[in-house]
C-alpha atoms as a PDB file:
ATOM      1  CA  MET A   1     194.024 -74.346  25.893  1.00  0.00           C
ATOM      2  CA  LYS A   2     190.974 -76.574  25.424  1.00  0.00           C
ATOM      3  CA  VAL A   3     191.602 -80.293  25.033  1.00  0.00           C
ATOM      4  CA  VAL A   4     188.936 -82.868  24.215  1.00  0.00           C
ATOM      5  CA  VAL A   5     189.753 -86.288  25.692  1.00  0.00           C
ATOM      6  CA  ILE A   6     188.191 -89.440  24.272  1.00  0.00           C
ATOM      7  CA  SER A   7     188.725 -93.147  24.731  1.00  0.00           C
ATOM      8  CA  ASP A   8     187.176 -96.447  23.787  1.00  0.00           C
ATOM      9  CA  THR A   9     185.395 -95.337  20.623  1.00  0.00           C
ATOM     10  CA  HIS A  10     185.333 -98.912  19.249  1.00  0.00           C
ATOM     11  CA  GLY A  11     184.421 -97.907  15.705  1.00  0.00           C
ATOM     12  CA  ASN A  12     181.432 -95.687  16.516  1.00  0.00           C
ATOM     13  CA  ASN A  13     182.463 -92.131  15.655  1.00  0.00           C
ATOM     14  CA  LYS A  14     179.368 -90.288  14.470  1.00  0.00           C
ATOM     15  CA  GLU A  15     178.022 -89.177  17.839  1.00  0.00           C
ATOM     16  CA  ILE A  16     181.388 -88.028  19.193  1.00  0.00           C
ATOM     17  CA  ILE A  17     182.143 -86.127  15.982  1.00  0.00           C
ATOM     18  CA  ASP A  18     178.717 -84.434  16.144  1.00  0.00           C
ATOM     19  CA  ALA A  19     179.229 -83.579  19.817  1.00  0.00           C
ATOM     20  CA  ILE A  20     182.649 -82.011  19.232  1.00  0.00           C
ATOM     21  CA  MET A  21     181.379 -80.128  16.173  1.00  0.00           C
ATOM     22  CA  SER A  22     178.589 -78.613  18.275  1.00  0.00           C
ATOM     23  CA  MET A  23     181.024 -77.015  20.726  1.00  0.00           C
ATOM     24  CA  GLU A  24     183.657 -74.326  20.428  1.00  0.00           C
ATOM     25  CA  LYS A  25     186.519 -75.846  18.462  1.00  0.00           C
ATOM     26  CA  PRO A  26     189.090 -77.312  20.854  1.00  0.00           C
ATOM     27  CA  ASP A  27     192.816 -76.744  20.427  1.00  0.00           C
ATOM     28  CA  MET A  28     193.594 -80.452  20.397  1.00  0.00           C
ATOM     29  CA  LEU A  29     192.264 -83.962  20.895  1.00  0.00           C
ATOM     30  CA  ILE A  30     193.653 -86.798  22.955  1.00  0.00           C
ATOM     31  CA  HIS A  31     192.556 -90.371  22.194  1.00  0.00           C
ATOM     32  CA  LEU A  32     193.414 -92.862  24.918  1.00  0.00           C
ATOM     33  CA  GLY A  33     193.136 -96.009  22.873  1.00  0.00           C
ATOM     34  CA  ASP A  34     190.865 -98.744  21.739  1.00  0.00           C
ATOM     35  CA  TYR A  35     190.397 -98.099  18.078  1.00  0.00           C
ATOM     36  CA  THR A  36     193.207 -95.693  17.283  1.00  0.00           C
ATOM     37  CA  LYS A  37     192.026 -95.744  13.657  1.00  0.00           C
ATOM     38  CA  ASP A  38     188.962 -93.857  14.931  1.00  0.00           C
ATOM     39  CA  ALA A  39     191.253 -91.210  16.372  1.00  0.00           C
ATOM     40  CA  LYS A  40     192.817 -90.466  12.999  1.00  0.00           C
ATOM     41  CA  GLU A  41     189.389 -90.271  11.339  1.00  0.00           C
ATOM     42  CA  ILE A  42     188.006 -87.949  14.012  1.00  0.00           C
ATOM     43  CA  SER A  43     191.079 -85.709  13.836  1.00  0.00           C
ATOM     44  CA  ASN A  44     190.938 -85.532  10.032  1.00  0.00           C
ATOM     45  CA  ILE A  45     187.217 -84.731   9.901  1.00  0.00           C
ATOM     46  CA  LEU A  46     187.469 -82.034  12.571  1.00  0.00           C
ATOM     47  CA  GLY A  47     190.846 -80.658  11.483  1.00  0.00           C
ATOM     48  CA  ILE A  48     192.192 -80.745  15.025  1.00  0.00           C
ATOM     49  CA  PRO A  49     195.655 -82.020  16.042  1.00  0.00           C
ATOM     50  CA  ILE A  50     195.630 -85.216  18.062  1.00  0.00           C
ATOM     51  CA  THR A  51     197.843 -87.215  20.399  1.00  0.00           C
ATOM     52  CA  ILE A  52     197.128 -90.949  20.527  1.00  0.00           C
ATOM     53  CA  VAL A  53     198.094 -93.879  22.748  1.00  0.00           C
ATOM     54  CA  ARG A  54     197.123 -97.440  21.980  1.00  0.00           C
ATOM     55  CA  GLY A  55     194.788 -99.605  23.994  1.00  0.00           C
ATOM     56  CA  ASN A  56     194.350-103.311  24.550  1.00  0.00           C
ATOM     57  CA  CYS A  57     192.218-103.587  21.378  1.00  0.00           C
ATOM     58  CA  ASP A  58     194.823-101.820  19.220  1.00  0.00           C
ATOM     59  CA  PHE A  59     197.381-103.941  17.456  1.00  0.00           C
ATOM     60  CA  GLY A  60     200.662-102.961  15.878  1.00  0.00           C
ATOM     61  CA  PHE A  61     203.260-100.540  17.074  1.00  0.00           C
ATOM     62  CA  GLU A  62     202.251 -97.268  15.441  1.00  0.00           C
ATOM     63  CA  TYR A  63     201.474 -95.733  18.848  1.00  0.00           C
ATOM     64  CA  ASN A  64     203.014 -96.109  22.281  1.00  0.00           C
ATOM     65  CA  ASN A  65     201.308 -97.562  25.349  1.00  0.00           C
ATOM     66  CA  SER A  66     201.860 -94.252  27.107  1.00  0.00           C
ATOM     67  CA  GLU A  67     203.009 -90.706  26.465  1.00  0.00           C
ATOM     68  CA  LEU A  68     204.045 -87.750  28.576  1.00  0.00           C
ATOM     69  CA  ILE A  69     203.146 -84.421  27.022  1.00  0.00           C
ATOM     70  CA  GLU A  70     203.358 -80.860  28.281  1.00  0.00           C
ATOM     71  CA  LEU A  71     200.618 -78.317  27.639  1.00  0.00           C
ATOM     72  CA  ASN A  72     200.752 -74.776  29.030  1.00  0.00           C
ATOM     73  CA  GLY A  73     203.286 -75.825  31.663  1.00  0.00           C
ATOM     74  CA  LYS A  74     201.305 -78.859  32.876  1.00  0.00           C
ATOM     75  CA  LYS A  75     202.532 -82.404  32.339  1.00  0.00           C
ATOM     76  CA  LEU A  76     199.939 -84.950  31.226  1.00  0.00           C
ATOM     77  CA  PHE A  77     200.571 -88.687  31.468  1.00  0.00           C
ATOM     78  CA  LEU A  78     198.473 -90.520  28.848  1.00  0.00           C
ATOM     79  CA  THR A  79     197.739 -94.238  28.853  1.00  0.00           C
ATOM     80  CA  HIS A  80     194.890 -96.565  28.038  1.00  0.00           C
ATOM     81  CA  GLY A  81     195.235 -98.033  31.516  1.00  0.00           C
ATOM     82  CA  HIS A  82     195.150-101.779  30.958  1.00  0.00           C
ATOM     83  CA  ILE A  83     198.866-102.172  31.722  1.00  0.00           C
ATOM     84  CA  TYR A  84     198.273-100.399  35.058  1.00  0.00           C
ATOM     85  CA  ASP A  85     195.318-102.586  36.152  1.00  0.00           C
ATOM     86  CA  VAL A  86     192.957 -99.599  36.363  1.00  0.00           C
ATOM     87  CA  LYS A  87     189.909-101.846  36.578  1.00  0.00           C
ATOM     88  CA  PHE A  88     191.114-102.889  40.021  1.00  0.00           C
ATOM     89  CA  THR A  89     193.163-100.027  41.483  1.00  0.00           C
ATOM     90  CA  LEU A  90     194.475 -96.563  40.686  1.00  0.00           C
ATOM     91  CA  ASP A  91     197.669 -97.090  42.672  1.00  0.00           C
ATOM     92  CA  LYS A  92     199.880 -98.243  39.786  1.00  0.00           C
ATOM     93  CA  LEU A  93     198.626 -95.438  37.542  1.00  0.00           C
ATOM     94  CA  TYR A  94     199.112 -92.863  40.277  1.00  0.00           C
ATOM     95  CA  HIS A  95     202.658 -93.992  41.091  1.00  0.00           C
ATOM     96  CA  LYS A  96     203.659 -94.054  37.412  1.00  0.00           C
ATOM     97  CA  ALA A  97     202.246 -90.538  36.913  1.00  0.00           C
ATOM     98  CA  LEU A  98     204.070 -89.399  40.046  1.00  0.00           C
ATOM     99  CA  GLU A  99     207.316 -90.981  38.792  1.00  0.00           C
ATOM    100  CA  MET A 100     206.877 -89.160  35.456  1.00  0.00           C
ATOM    101  CA  GLY A 101     206.331 -85.813  37.203  1.00  0.00           C
ATOM    102  CA  ALA A 102     202.795 -85.522  35.817  1.00  0.00           C
ATOM    103  CA  ASP A 103     200.165 -83.096  37.028  1.00  0.00           C
ATOM    104  CA  ILE A 104     197.375 -84.996  35.273  1.00  0.00           C
ATOM    105  CA  ALA A 105     196.953 -88.720  34.523  1.00  0.00           C
ATOM    106  CA  LEU A 106     194.550 -89.585  31.704  1.00  0.00           C
ATOM    107  CA  PHE A 107     193.322 -93.135  31.125  1.00  0.00           C
ATOM    108  CA  GLY A 108     190.479 -95.103  29.570  1.00  0.00           C
ATOM    109  CA  HIS A 109     189.840 -98.867  29.452  1.00  0.00           C
ATOM    110  CA  THR A 110     187.057 -99.028  32.057  1.00  0.00           C
ATOM    111  CA  HIS A 111     184.502 -97.162  29.877  1.00  0.00           C
ATOM    112  CA  MET A 112     183.466 -95.360  33.078  1.00  0.00           C
ATOM    113  CA  PRO A 113     184.111 -91.634  33.545  1.00  0.00           C
ATOM    114  CA  MET A 114     186.206 -90.453  36.469  1.00  0.00           C
ATOM    115  CA  ASN A 115     187.392 -87.003  37.496  1.00  0.00           C
ATOM    116  CA  ILE A 116     189.135 -87.022  40.882  1.00  0.00           C
ATOM    117  CA  GLU A 117     192.101 -85.610  42.740  1.00  0.00           C
ATOM    118  CA  TYR A 118     194.276 -88.531  43.824  1.00  0.00           C
ATOM    119  CA  GLY A 119     197.047 -87.261  46.033  1.00  0.00           C
ATOM    120  CA  ASP A 120     198.261 -84.196  44.181  1.00  0.00           C
ATOM    121  CA  ILE A 121     197.465 -85.537  40.699  1.00  0.00           C
ATOM    122  CA  LEU A 122     194.260 -85.107  38.717  1.00  0.00           C
ATOM    123  CA  ILE A 123     193.128 -88.578  37.618  1.00  0.00           C
ATOM    124  CA  PHE A 124     190.770 -88.354  34.641  1.00  0.00           C
ATOM    125  CA  ASN A 125     188.936 -90.944  32.543  1.00  0.00           C
ATOM    126  CA  PRO A 126     186.572 -89.608  29.860  1.00  0.00           C
ATOM    127  CA  GLY A 127     184.463 -92.776  29.796  1.00  0.00           C
ATOM    128  CA  SER A 128     183.281 -93.969  26.383  1.00  0.00           C
ATOM    129  CA  PRO A 129     181.293 -92.080  23.750  1.00  0.00           C
ATOM    130  CA  SER A 130     180.028 -95.315  22.224  1.00  0.00           C
ATOM    131  CA  MET A 131     180.021 -98.190  24.726  1.00  0.00           C
ATOM    132  CA  PRO A 132     179.476 -96.883  28.272  1.00  0.00           C
ATOM    133  CA  HIS A 133     179.759 -99.155  31.294  1.00  0.00           C
ATOM    134  CA  GLY A 134     178.664 -98.502  34.830  1.00  0.00           C
ATOM    135  CA  GLY A 135     175.441 -97.380  36.426  1.00  0.00           C
ATOM    136  CA  SER A 136     174.393 -94.376  34.339  1.00  0.00           C
ATOM    137  CA  ARG A 137     175.069 -95.815  30.862  1.00  0.00           C
ATOM    138  CA  ALA A 138     175.703 -92.246  29.651  1.00  0.00           C
ATOM    139  CA  LYS A 139     177.897 -91.829  26.581  1.00  0.00           C
ATOM    140  CA  THR A 140     180.686 -89.496  27.678  1.00  0.00           C
ATOM    141  CA  PHE A 141     183.889 -87.697  26.753  1.00  0.00           C
ATOM    142  CA  GLY A 142     186.075 -85.175  28.528  1.00  0.00           C
ATOM    143  CA  LEU A 143     187.057 -81.541  28.256  1.00  0.00           C
ATOM    144  CA  ILE A 144     190.137 -80.225  30.003  1.00  0.00           C
ATOM    145  CA  GLU A 145     191.014 -76.534  30.009  1.00  0.00           C
ATOM    146  CA  ILE A 146     194.602 -75.717  30.847  1.00  0.00           C
ATOM    147  CA  GLY A 147     195.474 -72.150  31.684  1.00  0.00           C
ATOM    148  CA  GLU A 148     196.639 -70.653  34.950  1.00  0.00           C
ATOM    149  CA  GLN A 149     194.233 -73.141  36.511  1.00  0.00           C
ATOM    150  CA  VAL A 150     193.233 -76.582  35.269  1.00  0.00           C
ATOM    151  CA  SER A 151     189.573 -77.486  34.961  1.00  0.00           C
ATOM    152  CA  ALA A 152     188.270 -80.849  33.848  1.00  0.00           C
ATOM    153  CA  GLU A 153     184.744 -81.976  33.186  1.00  0.00           C
ATOM    154  CA  ILE A 154     182.920 -85.014  31.914  1.00  0.00           C
ATOM    155  CA  LEU A 155     180.517 -84.182  29.082  1.00  0.00           C
ATOM    156  CA  THR A 156     177.544 -86.312  28.084  1.00  0.00           C
ATOM    157  CA  ILE A 157     176.495 -86.969  24.517  1.00  0.00           C
ATOM    158  CA  PRO A 158     172.743 -86.250  24.243  1.00  0.00           C
END
């Protein structure tokens, strides 16, 4: 199962839509908040199912702050990250994912990509396809493949 992970689109969808259209069609999308209305647009244009959590720039209660989903026997904890102080530490996120029995914790908020093993949990942030922060300034998104093994990579938008 191929899952594209995006976060922090902030109203700029063209480049991420073009990037996803240029690859083999994924099985699903995950949007980790900040402009959930973008998520619906991207999903509709690409015709790909999506799971969405809201971020600190999303208002209303259409989506939850976090979700726990299971894909191919792996549990994924999804959150934007702001309620777990991810700009300062990964400890709260890690412990919540551990408490939820997750194999993978996905978050956004920092606009900086991250793909690390933290304890026995994969901690993954796709960065931002529209407003990158950090040293490289690369516009990024993520691809996670879940089969017998899990692989995760950060992809750059040219």
